[in-house]
N, C-alpha and C. Protein backbone atom coordinates (compact mmCIF):
# COMPACT_ATOMS: atom_id res chain seq x y z
N UNK A 1 -143.72 -45.37 -119.63
CA UNK A 1 -143.23 -45.57 -118.29
C UNK A 1 -141.91 -44.84 -118.15
N UNK A 2 -141.77 -44.12 -117.04
CA UNK A 2 -140.53 -43.39 -116.79
C UNK A 2 -139.50 -44.34 -116.21
N UNK A 3 -138.28 -44.22 -116.68
CA UNK A 3 -137.21 -45.05 -116.16
C UNK A 3 -136.19 -44.15 -115.47
N UNK A 4 -135.91 -44.49 -114.23
CA UNK A 4 -134.94 -43.72 -113.45
C UNK A 4 -133.54 -44.16 -113.84
N UNK A 5 -132.55 -43.27 -113.72
CA UNK A 5 -131.17 -43.65 -114.04
C UNK A 5 -130.68 -44.73 -113.10
N UNK A 6 -129.80 -45.55 -113.61
CA UNK A 6 -129.27 -46.66 -112.80
C UNK A 6 -128.45 -46.11 -111.66
N UNK A 7 -128.62 -46.71 -110.49
CA UNK A 7 -127.86 -46.32 -109.32
C UNK A 7 -126.52 -47.04 -109.34
N UNK A 8 -125.62 -46.59 -108.48
CA UNK A 8 -124.31 -47.22 -108.41
C UNK A 8 -124.46 -48.68 -108.04
N UNK A 9 -123.94 -49.51 -108.82
CA UNK A 9 -123.92 -50.93 -108.52
C UNK A 9 -125.28 -51.58 -108.61
N UNK A 10 -126.30 -50.89 -109.09
CA UNK A 10 -127.63 -51.49 -109.16
C UNK A 10 -128.19 -51.41 -110.55
N UNK A 11 -129.34 -51.94 -110.72
CA UNK A 11 -130.01 -51.90 -112.02
C UNK A 11 -130.98 -50.73 -112.05
N UNK A 12 -131.54 -50.49 -113.21
CA UNK A 12 -132.47 -49.37 -113.33
C UNK A 12 -133.78 -49.68 -112.61
N UNK A 13 -134.41 -48.64 -112.04
CA UNK A 13 -135.68 -48.79 -111.33
C UNK A 13 -136.73 -47.93 -112.02
N UNK A 14 -137.97 -48.24 -111.81
CA UNK A 14 -139.05 -47.45 -112.40
C UNK A 14 -139.71 -46.62 -111.33
N UNK A 15 -140.36 -45.52 -111.77
CA UNK A 15 -141.09 -44.70 -110.81
C UNK A 15 -142.58 -45.01 -110.88
N UNK A 16 -142.90 -46.21 -111.23
CA UNK A 16 -144.30 -46.63 -111.32
C UNK A 16 -144.83 -46.94 -109.94
N UNK A 17 -146.05 -46.50 -109.67
CA UNK A 17 -146.72 -46.80 -108.41
C UNK A 17 -147.17 -48.25 -108.46
N UNK A 18 -146.64 -49.09 -107.58
CA UNK A 18 -146.96 -50.51 -107.64
C UNK A 18 -148.36 -50.82 -107.15
N UNK A 19 -148.98 -49.96 -106.38
CA UNK A 19 -150.32 -50.25 -105.87
C UNK A 19 -151.38 -50.09 -106.95
N UNK A 20 -151.19 -49.18 -107.89
CA UNK A 20 -152.20 -48.98 -108.93
C UNK A 20 -151.69 -49.31 -110.31
N UNK A 21 -150.40 -49.43 -110.48
CA UNK A 21 -149.84 -49.73 -111.78
C UNK A 21 -149.75 -48.53 -112.69
N UNK A 22 -149.94 -47.33 -112.16
CA UNK A 22 -149.89 -46.13 -112.98
C UNK A 22 -148.90 -45.15 -112.40
N UNK A 23 -148.54 -44.19 -113.19
CA UNK A 23 -147.60 -43.18 -112.76
C UNK A 23 -148.26 -42.29 -111.71
N UNK A 24 -147.53 -41.85 -110.69
CA UNK A 24 -148.12 -41.01 -109.65
C UNK A 24 -148.66 -39.69 -110.20
N UNK A 25 -148.15 -39.21 -111.31
CA UNK A 25 -148.60 -37.95 -111.87
C UNK A 25 -149.75 -38.11 -112.85
N UNK A 26 -150.27 -39.32 -113.02
CA UNK A 26 -151.31 -39.54 -114.03
C UNK A 26 -152.70 -39.17 -113.55
N UNK A 27 -152.95 -39.02 -112.26
CA UNK A 27 -154.28 -38.68 -111.75
C UNK A 27 -154.57 -37.21 -112.02
N UNK A 28 -155.68 -36.95 -112.68
CA UNK A 28 -156.03 -35.56 -112.97
C UNK A 28 -157.45 -35.22 -112.52
N UNK A 29 -158.04 -36.07 -111.68
CA UNK A 29 -159.39 -35.84 -111.16
C UNK A 29 -159.38 -34.93 -109.93
N UNK A 30 -160.57 -34.65 -109.41
CA UNK A 30 -160.69 -33.82 -108.21
C UNK A 30 -160.36 -34.63 -106.97
N UNK A 31 -159.76 -34.00 -106.01
CA UNK A 31 -159.46 -34.64 -104.74
C UNK A 31 -160.71 -34.61 -103.88
N UNK A 32 -161.28 -35.77 -103.57
CA UNK A 32 -162.53 -35.85 -102.82
C UNK A 32 -162.39 -35.27 -101.40
N UNK A 33 -161.18 -35.19 -100.91
CA UNK A 33 -160.97 -34.68 -99.55
C UNK A 33 -161.13 -33.17 -99.46
N UNK A 34 -161.19 -32.49 -100.60
CA UNK A 34 -161.37 -31.04 -100.58
C UNK A 34 -162.82 -30.64 -100.36
N UNK A 35 -163.74 -31.59 -100.50
CA UNK A 35 -165.17 -31.31 -100.34
C UNK A 35 -165.64 -31.86 -99.00
N UNK A 36 -166.69 -31.25 -98.45
CA UNK A 36 -167.27 -31.73 -97.21
C UNK A 36 -168.05 -33.01 -97.45
N UNK A 37 -168.37 -33.69 -96.37
CA UNK A 37 -169.16 -34.90 -96.46
C UNK A 37 -170.61 -34.53 -96.74
N UNK A 38 -171.25 -35.13 -97.75
CA UNK A 38 -172.65 -34.81 -98.04
C UNK A 38 -173.59 -35.38 -96.99
N UNK A 39 -174.78 -34.80 -96.86
CA UNK A 39 -175.77 -35.31 -95.90
C UNK A 39 -176.20 -36.72 -96.27
N UNK A 40 -176.45 -36.95 -97.54
CA UNK A 40 -176.88 -38.27 -98.00
C UNK A 40 -175.84 -38.81 -98.98
N UNK A 41 -175.45 -40.04 -98.77
CA UNK A 41 -174.55 -40.72 -99.70
C UNK A 41 -174.84 -42.21 -99.58
N UNK A 42 -174.19 -43.00 -100.39
CA UNK A 42 -174.40 -44.44 -100.30
C UNK A 42 -173.99 -44.97 -98.94
N UNK A 43 -173.09 -44.28 -98.27
CA UNK A 43 -172.64 -44.71 -96.96
C UNK A 43 -173.65 -44.39 -95.86
N UNK A 44 -174.60 -43.48 -96.13
CA UNK A 44 -175.62 -43.14 -95.15
C UNK A 44 -176.52 -44.33 -94.87
N UNK A 45 -176.71 -45.19 -95.85
CA UNK A 45 -177.64 -46.30 -95.71
C UNK A 45 -176.95 -47.65 -95.52
N UNK A 46 -175.76 -47.84 -96.10
CA UNK A 46 -175.08 -49.11 -96.01
C UNK A 46 -173.80 -49.05 -95.20
N UNK A 47 -173.46 -47.88 -94.70
CA UNK A 47 -172.29 -47.75 -93.83
C UNK A 47 -170.98 -47.75 -94.58
N UNK A 48 -169.95 -47.30 -93.91
CA UNK A 48 -168.61 -47.26 -94.47
C UNK A 48 -167.72 -48.25 -93.74
N UNK A 49 -166.43 -48.10 -93.93
CA UNK A 49 -165.49 -49.01 -93.30
C UNK A 49 -165.12 -48.60 -91.88
N UNK A 50 -165.21 -47.31 -91.59
CA UNK A 50 -164.79 -46.86 -90.27
C UNK A 50 -165.84 -47.22 -89.22
N UNK A 51 -165.39 -47.44 -88.02
CA UNK A 51 -166.28 -47.75 -86.91
C UNK A 51 -166.19 -46.72 -85.80
N UNK A 52 -165.32 -45.73 -85.94
CA UNK A 52 -165.17 -44.68 -84.93
C UNK A 52 -164.81 -43.37 -85.62
N UNK A 53 -165.12 -42.27 -84.95
CA UNK A 53 -164.80 -40.95 -85.49
C UNK A 53 -163.33 -40.62 -85.29
N UNK A 54 -162.79 -39.83 -86.20
CA UNK A 54 -161.43 -39.34 -86.02
C UNK A 54 -161.43 -38.34 -84.86
N UNK A 55 -160.40 -38.32 -84.11
CA UNK A 55 -160.35 -37.49 -82.91
C UNK A 55 -160.45 -36.01 -83.25
N UNK A 56 -161.39 -35.34 -82.61
CA UNK A 56 -161.48 -33.88 -82.68
C UNK A 56 -162.09 -33.29 -83.93
N UNK A 57 -161.57 -33.58 -85.09
CA UNK A 57 -161.97 -32.86 -86.29
C UNK A 57 -163.34 -33.23 -86.81
N UNK A 58 -163.86 -34.40 -86.47
CA UNK A 58 -165.15 -34.81 -87.00
C UNK A 58 -166.23 -34.86 -85.93
N UNK A 59 -166.02 -34.22 -84.87
CA UNK A 59 -167.00 -34.30 -83.80
C UNK A 59 -168.17 -33.34 -84.04
N UNK A 60 -167.96 -32.08 -83.83
CA UNK A 60 -169.04 -31.10 -83.87
C UNK A 60 -169.23 -30.56 -85.28
N UNK A 61 -170.46 -30.61 -85.78
CA UNK A 61 -170.81 -29.97 -87.04
C UNK A 61 -170.41 -30.73 -88.29
N UNK A 62 -170.27 -32.03 -88.20
CA UNK A 62 -169.92 -32.80 -89.40
C UNK A 62 -170.96 -33.89 -89.64
N UNK A 63 -171.01 -34.36 -90.88
CA UNK A 63 -171.93 -35.42 -91.26
C UNK A 63 -171.12 -36.69 -91.46
N UNK A 64 -171.13 -37.56 -90.48
CA UNK A 64 -170.39 -38.82 -90.54
C UNK A 64 -171.36 -39.93 -90.15
N UNK A 65 -171.33 -41.01 -90.92
CA UNK A 65 -172.31 -42.08 -90.72
C UNK A 65 -171.84 -43.16 -89.75
N UNK A 66 -171.36 -42.75 -88.60
CA UNK A 66 -171.01 -43.66 -87.53
C UNK A 66 -171.95 -43.35 -86.38
N UNK A 67 -172.76 -44.33 -85.97
CA UNK A 67 -173.80 -44.10 -84.98
C UNK A 67 -173.49 -44.87 -83.70
N UNK A 68 -173.62 -44.19 -82.58
CA UNK A 68 -173.33 -44.82 -81.30
C UNK A 68 -174.54 -45.61 -80.82
N UNK A 69 -174.29 -46.54 -79.92
CA UNK A 69 -175.37 -47.32 -79.33
C UNK A 69 -176.30 -46.40 -78.54
N UNK A 70 -175.75 -45.37 -77.92
CA UNK A 70 -176.56 -44.42 -77.14
C UNK A 70 -177.54 -43.68 -78.04
N UNK A 71 -177.09 -43.27 -79.22
CA UNK A 71 -177.96 -42.58 -80.16
C UNK A 71 -179.07 -43.51 -80.65
N UNK A 72 -178.71 -44.72 -81.02
CA UNK A 72 -179.71 -45.67 -81.52
C UNK A 72 -180.70 -46.05 -80.42
N UNK A 73 -180.24 -46.14 -79.19
CA UNK A 73 -181.14 -46.42 -78.07
C UNK A 73 -182.11 -45.26 -77.87
N UNK A 74 -181.64 -44.03 -77.97
CA UNK A 74 -182.53 -42.86 -77.84
C UNK A 74 -183.58 -42.84 -78.95
N UNK A 75 -183.18 -43.15 -80.18
CA UNK A 75 -184.13 -43.18 -81.29
C UNK A 75 -185.17 -44.28 -81.07
N UNK A 76 -184.72 -45.47 -80.66
CA UNK A 76 -185.64 -46.56 -80.37
C UNK A 76 -186.59 -46.18 -79.25
N UNK A 77 -186.07 -45.54 -78.21
CA UNK A 77 -186.90 -45.14 -77.07
C UNK A 77 -187.97 -44.13 -77.50
N UNK A 78 -187.60 -43.16 -78.31
CA UNK A 78 -188.57 -42.16 -78.78
C UNK A 78 -189.65 -42.84 -79.62
N UNK A 79 -189.27 -43.75 -80.51
CA UNK A 79 -190.24 -44.46 -81.33
C UNK A 79 -191.18 -45.30 -80.46
N UNK A 80 -190.63 -45.96 -79.45
CA UNK A 80 -191.44 -46.75 -78.53
C UNK A 80 -192.41 -45.87 -77.73
N UNK A 81 -191.91 -44.76 -77.22
CA UNK A 81 -192.77 -43.84 -76.46
C UNK A 81 -193.84 -43.21 -77.36
N UNK A 82 -193.52 -42.96 -78.63
CA UNK A 82 -194.50 -42.43 -79.57
C UNK A 82 -195.62 -43.44 -79.78
N UNK A 83 -195.26 -44.72 -79.94
CA UNK A 83 -196.28 -45.76 -80.11
C UNK A 83 -197.14 -45.88 -78.85
N UNK A 84 -196.51 -45.82 -77.69
CA UNK A 84 -197.27 -45.89 -76.43
C UNK A 84 -198.19 -44.68 -76.29
N UNK A 85 -197.72 -43.50 -76.67
CA UNK A 85 -198.55 -42.30 -76.62
C UNK A 85 -199.77 -42.44 -77.53
N UNK A 86 -199.56 -42.95 -78.73
CA UNK A 86 -200.69 -43.15 -79.65
C UNK A 86 -201.69 -44.14 -79.06
N UNK A 87 -201.18 -45.25 -78.53
CA UNK A 87 -202.05 -46.27 -77.94
C UNK A 87 -202.85 -45.70 -76.77
N UNK A 88 -202.17 -45.05 -75.83
CA UNK A 88 -202.86 -44.51 -74.67
C UNK A 88 -203.81 -43.39 -75.04
N UNK A 89 -203.47 -42.60 -76.03
CA UNK A 89 -204.38 -41.55 -76.49
C UNK A 89 -205.68 -42.16 -76.98
N UNK A 90 -205.59 -43.24 -77.75
CA UNK A 90 -206.80 -43.89 -78.26
C UNK A 90 -207.63 -44.47 -77.11
N UNK A 91 -206.96 -45.07 -76.13
CA UNK A 91 -207.68 -45.64 -74.97
C UNK A 91 -208.41 -44.53 -74.21
N UNK A 92 -207.73 -43.42 -73.95
CA UNK A 92 -208.36 -42.32 -73.20
C UNK A 92 -209.51 -41.71 -73.99
N UNK A 93 -209.35 -41.56 -75.28
CA UNK A 93 -210.43 -40.99 -76.10
C UNK A 93 -211.64 -41.91 -76.13
N UNK A 94 -211.46 -43.21 -76.11
CA UNK A 94 -212.58 -44.15 -76.09
C UNK A 94 -213.33 -44.10 -74.77
N UNK A 95 -212.66 -43.61 -73.74
CA UNK A 95 -213.31 -43.51 -72.42
C UNK A 95 -213.68 -42.07 -72.07
N UNK A 96 -213.87 -41.24 -73.08
CA UNK A 96 -214.38 -39.89 -72.86
C UNK A 96 -213.34 -38.81 -72.69
N UNK A 97 -212.08 -39.10 -72.85
CA UNK A 97 -211.04 -38.09 -72.73
C UNK A 97 -211.02 -37.17 -73.95
N UNK A 98 -210.27 -36.08 -73.85
CA UNK A 98 -210.14 -35.16 -74.98
C UNK A 98 -208.65 -35.02 -75.31
N UNK A 99 -208.38 -34.70 -76.56
CA UNK A 99 -207.01 -34.47 -77.01
C UNK A 99 -206.65 -33.01 -76.80
N UNK A 100 -205.59 -32.74 -76.06
CA UNK A 100 -205.18 -31.37 -75.77
C UNK A 100 -204.27 -30.79 -76.85
N UNK A 101 -203.60 -31.64 -77.61
CA UNK A 101 -202.70 -31.19 -78.66
C UNK A 101 -203.52 -30.86 -79.92
N UNK A 102 -203.52 -29.59 -80.38
CA UNK A 102 -204.34 -29.22 -81.53
C UNK A 102 -203.94 -29.91 -82.84
N UNK A 103 -202.65 -30.18 -83.01
CA UNK A 103 -202.21 -30.88 -84.22
C UNK A 103 -202.72 -32.32 -84.20
N UNK A 104 -202.57 -32.99 -83.07
CA UNK A 104 -203.07 -34.35 -82.94
C UNK A 104 -204.60 -34.37 -83.06
N UNK A 105 -205.25 -33.32 -82.56
CA UNK A 105 -206.70 -33.23 -82.70
C UNK A 105 -207.14 -33.19 -84.16
N UNK A 106 -206.40 -32.44 -84.98
CA UNK A 106 -206.70 -32.40 -86.42
C UNK A 106 -206.45 -33.76 -87.07
N UNK A 107 -205.38 -34.42 -86.68
CA UNK A 107 -205.09 -35.75 -87.23
C UNK A 107 -206.16 -36.77 -86.82
N UNK A 108 -206.68 -36.64 -85.62
CA UNK A 108 -207.72 -37.56 -85.16
C UNK A 108 -209.00 -37.42 -85.96
N UNK A 109 -209.25 -36.27 -86.53
CA UNK A 109 -210.44 -36.08 -87.36
C UNK A 109 -210.37 -36.89 -88.65
N UNK A 110 -209.15 -37.28 -89.04
CA UNK A 110 -208.99 -38.10 -90.24
C UNK A 110 -209.40 -39.55 -90.00
N UNK A 111 -209.33 -40.00 -88.77
CA UNK A 111 -209.64 -41.39 -88.42
C UNK A 111 -208.56 -41.95 -87.52
N UNK A 112 -208.86 -43.09 -86.89
CA UNK A 112 -207.93 -43.68 -85.93
C UNK A 112 -206.63 -44.14 -86.59
N UNK A 113 -206.75 -44.97 -87.63
CA UNK A 113 -205.56 -45.49 -88.28
C UNK A 113 -204.77 -44.38 -88.95
N UNK A 114 -205.48 -43.44 -89.53
CA UNK A 114 -204.80 -42.31 -90.17
C UNK A 114 -204.02 -41.49 -89.15
N UNK A 115 -204.62 -41.34 -87.96
CA UNK A 115 -203.95 -40.63 -86.87
C UNK A 115 -202.64 -41.33 -86.50
N UNK A 116 -202.71 -42.64 -86.28
CA UNK A 116 -201.54 -43.40 -85.86
C UNK A 116 -200.46 -43.36 -86.95
N UNK A 117 -200.86 -43.57 -88.21
CA UNK A 117 -199.88 -43.58 -89.30
C UNK A 117 -199.26 -42.20 -89.52
N UNK A 118 -200.09 -41.15 -89.50
CA UNK A 118 -199.57 -39.80 -89.72
C UNK A 118 -198.64 -39.38 -88.58
N UNK A 119 -199.03 -39.68 -87.35
CA UNK A 119 -198.21 -39.33 -86.19
C UNK A 119 -196.88 -40.08 -86.23
N UNK A 120 -196.93 -41.36 -86.57
CA UNK A 120 -195.70 -42.15 -86.66
C UNK A 120 -194.80 -41.65 -87.78
N UNK A 121 -195.40 -41.28 -88.92
CA UNK A 121 -194.61 -40.78 -90.05
C UNK A 121 -193.95 -39.45 -89.71
N UNK A 122 -194.67 -38.57 -89.03
CA UNK A 122 -194.10 -37.27 -88.65
C UNK A 122 -192.94 -37.45 -87.67
N UNK A 123 -193.12 -38.31 -86.70
CA UNK A 123 -192.05 -38.55 -85.72
C UNK A 123 -190.86 -39.23 -86.39
N UNK A 124 -191.13 -40.18 -87.28
CA UNK A 124 -190.04 -40.86 -87.99
C UNK A 124 -189.24 -39.87 -88.84
N UNK A 125 -189.92 -38.97 -89.52
CA UNK A 125 -189.22 -37.96 -90.34
C UNK A 125 -188.36 -37.06 -89.46
N UNK A 126 -188.90 -36.64 -88.32
CA UNK A 126 -188.13 -35.81 -87.39
C UNK A 126 -186.91 -36.57 -86.87
N UNK A 127 -187.08 -37.85 -86.56
CA UNK A 127 -185.96 -38.65 -86.06
C UNK A 127 -184.87 -38.82 -87.12
N UNK A 128 -185.26 -38.98 -88.37
CA UNK A 128 -184.27 -39.10 -89.45
C UNK A 128 -183.45 -37.82 -89.53
N UNK A 129 -184.11 -36.67 -89.47
CA UNK A 129 -183.39 -35.39 -89.54
C UNK A 129 -182.44 -35.25 -88.34
N UNK A 130 -182.91 -35.60 -87.16
CA UNK A 130 -182.07 -35.47 -85.97
C UNK A 130 -180.89 -36.43 -86.00
N UNK A 131 -181.10 -37.65 -86.50
CA UNK A 131 -179.99 -38.61 -86.57
C UNK A 131 -178.96 -38.16 -87.60
N UNK A 132 -179.40 -37.65 -88.74
CA UNK A 132 -178.45 -37.17 -89.75
C UNK A 132 -177.60 -36.04 -89.19
N UNK A 133 -178.19 -35.20 -88.35
CA UNK A 133 -177.49 -34.05 -87.77
C UNK A 133 -176.97 -34.34 -86.36
N UNK A 134 -176.70 -35.58 -86.05
CA UNK A 134 -176.31 -35.99 -84.70
C UNK A 134 -175.04 -35.33 -84.19
N UNK A 135 -174.21 -34.84 -85.08
CA UNK A 135 -172.97 -34.18 -84.65
C UNK A 135 -173.14 -32.68 -84.46
N UNK A 136 -174.38 -32.22 -84.40
CA UNK A 136 -174.69 -30.82 -84.12
C UNK A 136 -175.34 -30.76 -82.74
N UNK A 137 -174.92 -29.82 -81.94
CA UNK A 137 -175.42 -29.71 -80.57
C UNK A 137 -176.93 -29.60 -80.52
N UNK A 138 -177.52 -28.78 -81.37
CA UNK A 138 -178.97 -28.59 -81.35
C UNK A 138 -179.72 -29.89 -81.63
N UNK A 139 -179.22 -30.71 -82.52
CA UNK A 139 -179.87 -32.00 -82.82
C UNK A 139 -179.77 -32.95 -81.62
N UNK A 140 -178.62 -32.98 -80.97
CA UNK A 140 -178.47 -33.84 -79.79
C UNK A 140 -179.38 -33.37 -78.67
N UNK A 141 -179.47 -32.07 -78.48
CA UNK A 141 -180.38 -31.55 -77.46
C UNK A 141 -181.82 -31.92 -77.82
N UNK A 142 -182.18 -31.78 -79.09
CA UNK A 142 -183.52 -32.13 -79.54
C UNK A 142 -183.85 -33.59 -79.33
N UNK A 143 -182.90 -34.46 -79.63
CA UNK A 143 -183.13 -35.90 -79.46
C UNK A 143 -183.38 -36.26 -78.00
N UNK A 144 -182.52 -35.80 -77.14
CA UNK A 144 -182.65 -36.20 -75.74
C UNK A 144 -183.77 -35.43 -75.03
N UNK A 145 -184.12 -34.25 -75.52
CA UNK A 145 -185.30 -33.56 -75.00
C UNK A 145 -186.56 -34.30 -75.42
N UNK A 146 -186.62 -34.76 -76.66
CA UNK A 146 -187.78 -35.53 -77.14
C UNK A 146 -187.93 -36.82 -76.34
N UNK A 147 -186.81 -37.49 -76.06
CA UNK A 147 -186.87 -38.73 -75.28
C UNK A 147 -187.42 -38.46 -73.88
N UNK A 148 -186.95 -37.40 -73.26
CA UNK A 148 -187.46 -37.05 -71.93
C UNK A 148 -188.91 -36.62 -71.94
N UNK A 149 -189.28 -35.80 -72.93
CA UNK A 149 -190.66 -35.32 -73.02
C UNK A 149 -191.64 -36.47 -73.26
N UNK A 150 -191.28 -37.38 -74.15
CA UNK A 150 -192.14 -38.54 -74.41
C UNK A 150 -192.25 -39.44 -73.19
N UNK A 151 -191.16 -39.59 -72.44
CA UNK A 151 -191.21 -40.39 -71.22
C UNK A 151 -192.18 -39.76 -70.21
N UNK A 152 -192.10 -38.44 -70.05
CA UNK A 152 -193.03 -37.76 -69.14
C UNK A 152 -194.47 -37.86 -69.64
N UNK A 153 -194.67 -37.78 -70.95
CA UNK A 153 -196.02 -37.87 -71.51
C UNK A 153 -196.62 -39.25 -71.27
N UNK A 154 -195.84 -40.30 -71.45
CA UNK A 154 -196.35 -41.65 -71.19
C UNK A 154 -196.59 -41.84 -69.70
N UNK A 155 -195.74 -41.28 -68.87
CA UNK A 155 -195.98 -41.34 -67.42
C UNK A 155 -197.28 -40.63 -67.07
N UNK A 156 -197.57 -39.50 -67.73
CA UNK A 156 -198.84 -38.79 -67.52
C UNK A 156 -200.02 -39.66 -67.95
N UNK A 157 -199.89 -40.33 -69.09
CA UNK A 157 -200.96 -41.25 -69.53
C UNK A 157 -201.21 -42.31 -68.48
N UNK A 158 -200.14 -42.89 -67.95
CA UNK A 158 -200.29 -43.92 -66.93
C UNK A 158 -200.91 -43.36 -65.66
N UNK A 159 -200.56 -42.13 -65.31
CA UNK A 159 -201.15 -41.46 -64.14
C UNK A 159 -202.66 -41.29 -64.32
N UNK A 160 -203.10 -41.02 -65.56
CA UNK A 160 -204.53 -40.83 -65.80
C UNK A 160 -205.34 -42.11 -65.58
N UNK A 161 -204.69 -43.26 -65.62
CA UNK A 161 -205.40 -44.52 -65.35
C UNK A 161 -205.72 -44.71 -63.88
N UNK A 162 -205.06 -43.98 -62.99
CA UNK A 162 -205.29 -44.14 -61.56
C UNK A 162 -206.45 -43.32 -61.08
């Protein structure tokens, strides 16, 4: 332990860091702040301590695990519209309709449950990628475009019932 010289009229003091109990010069590891935030970390799944983004520097193009209610609502809406699309697609096909989407047509050849599970898994994987990249303009555009497109698609399904 380093001992500082005694000051006038006082006793000797130490230069020990009281928060850690070690000398300030004893740390020889890498500074974690020099590296960017990884896409996946333990905080991606269980969250961190912060509840808001730092002003300006963490907005565009960064990976931070703070999710807004608006983002989570959009993800929930897309998942709900995907389930409704699958349901209405099955109803229309049972009544003589045809599938216009060639990818969905291939999935339907696997079977009904396989179609629903594969379609849900593909959409879920896409949503995970978009949520992870939520601080990138293209991902935000993709999320809200998907929400709008699915809303229009479900509205089209409902129109076909009339």
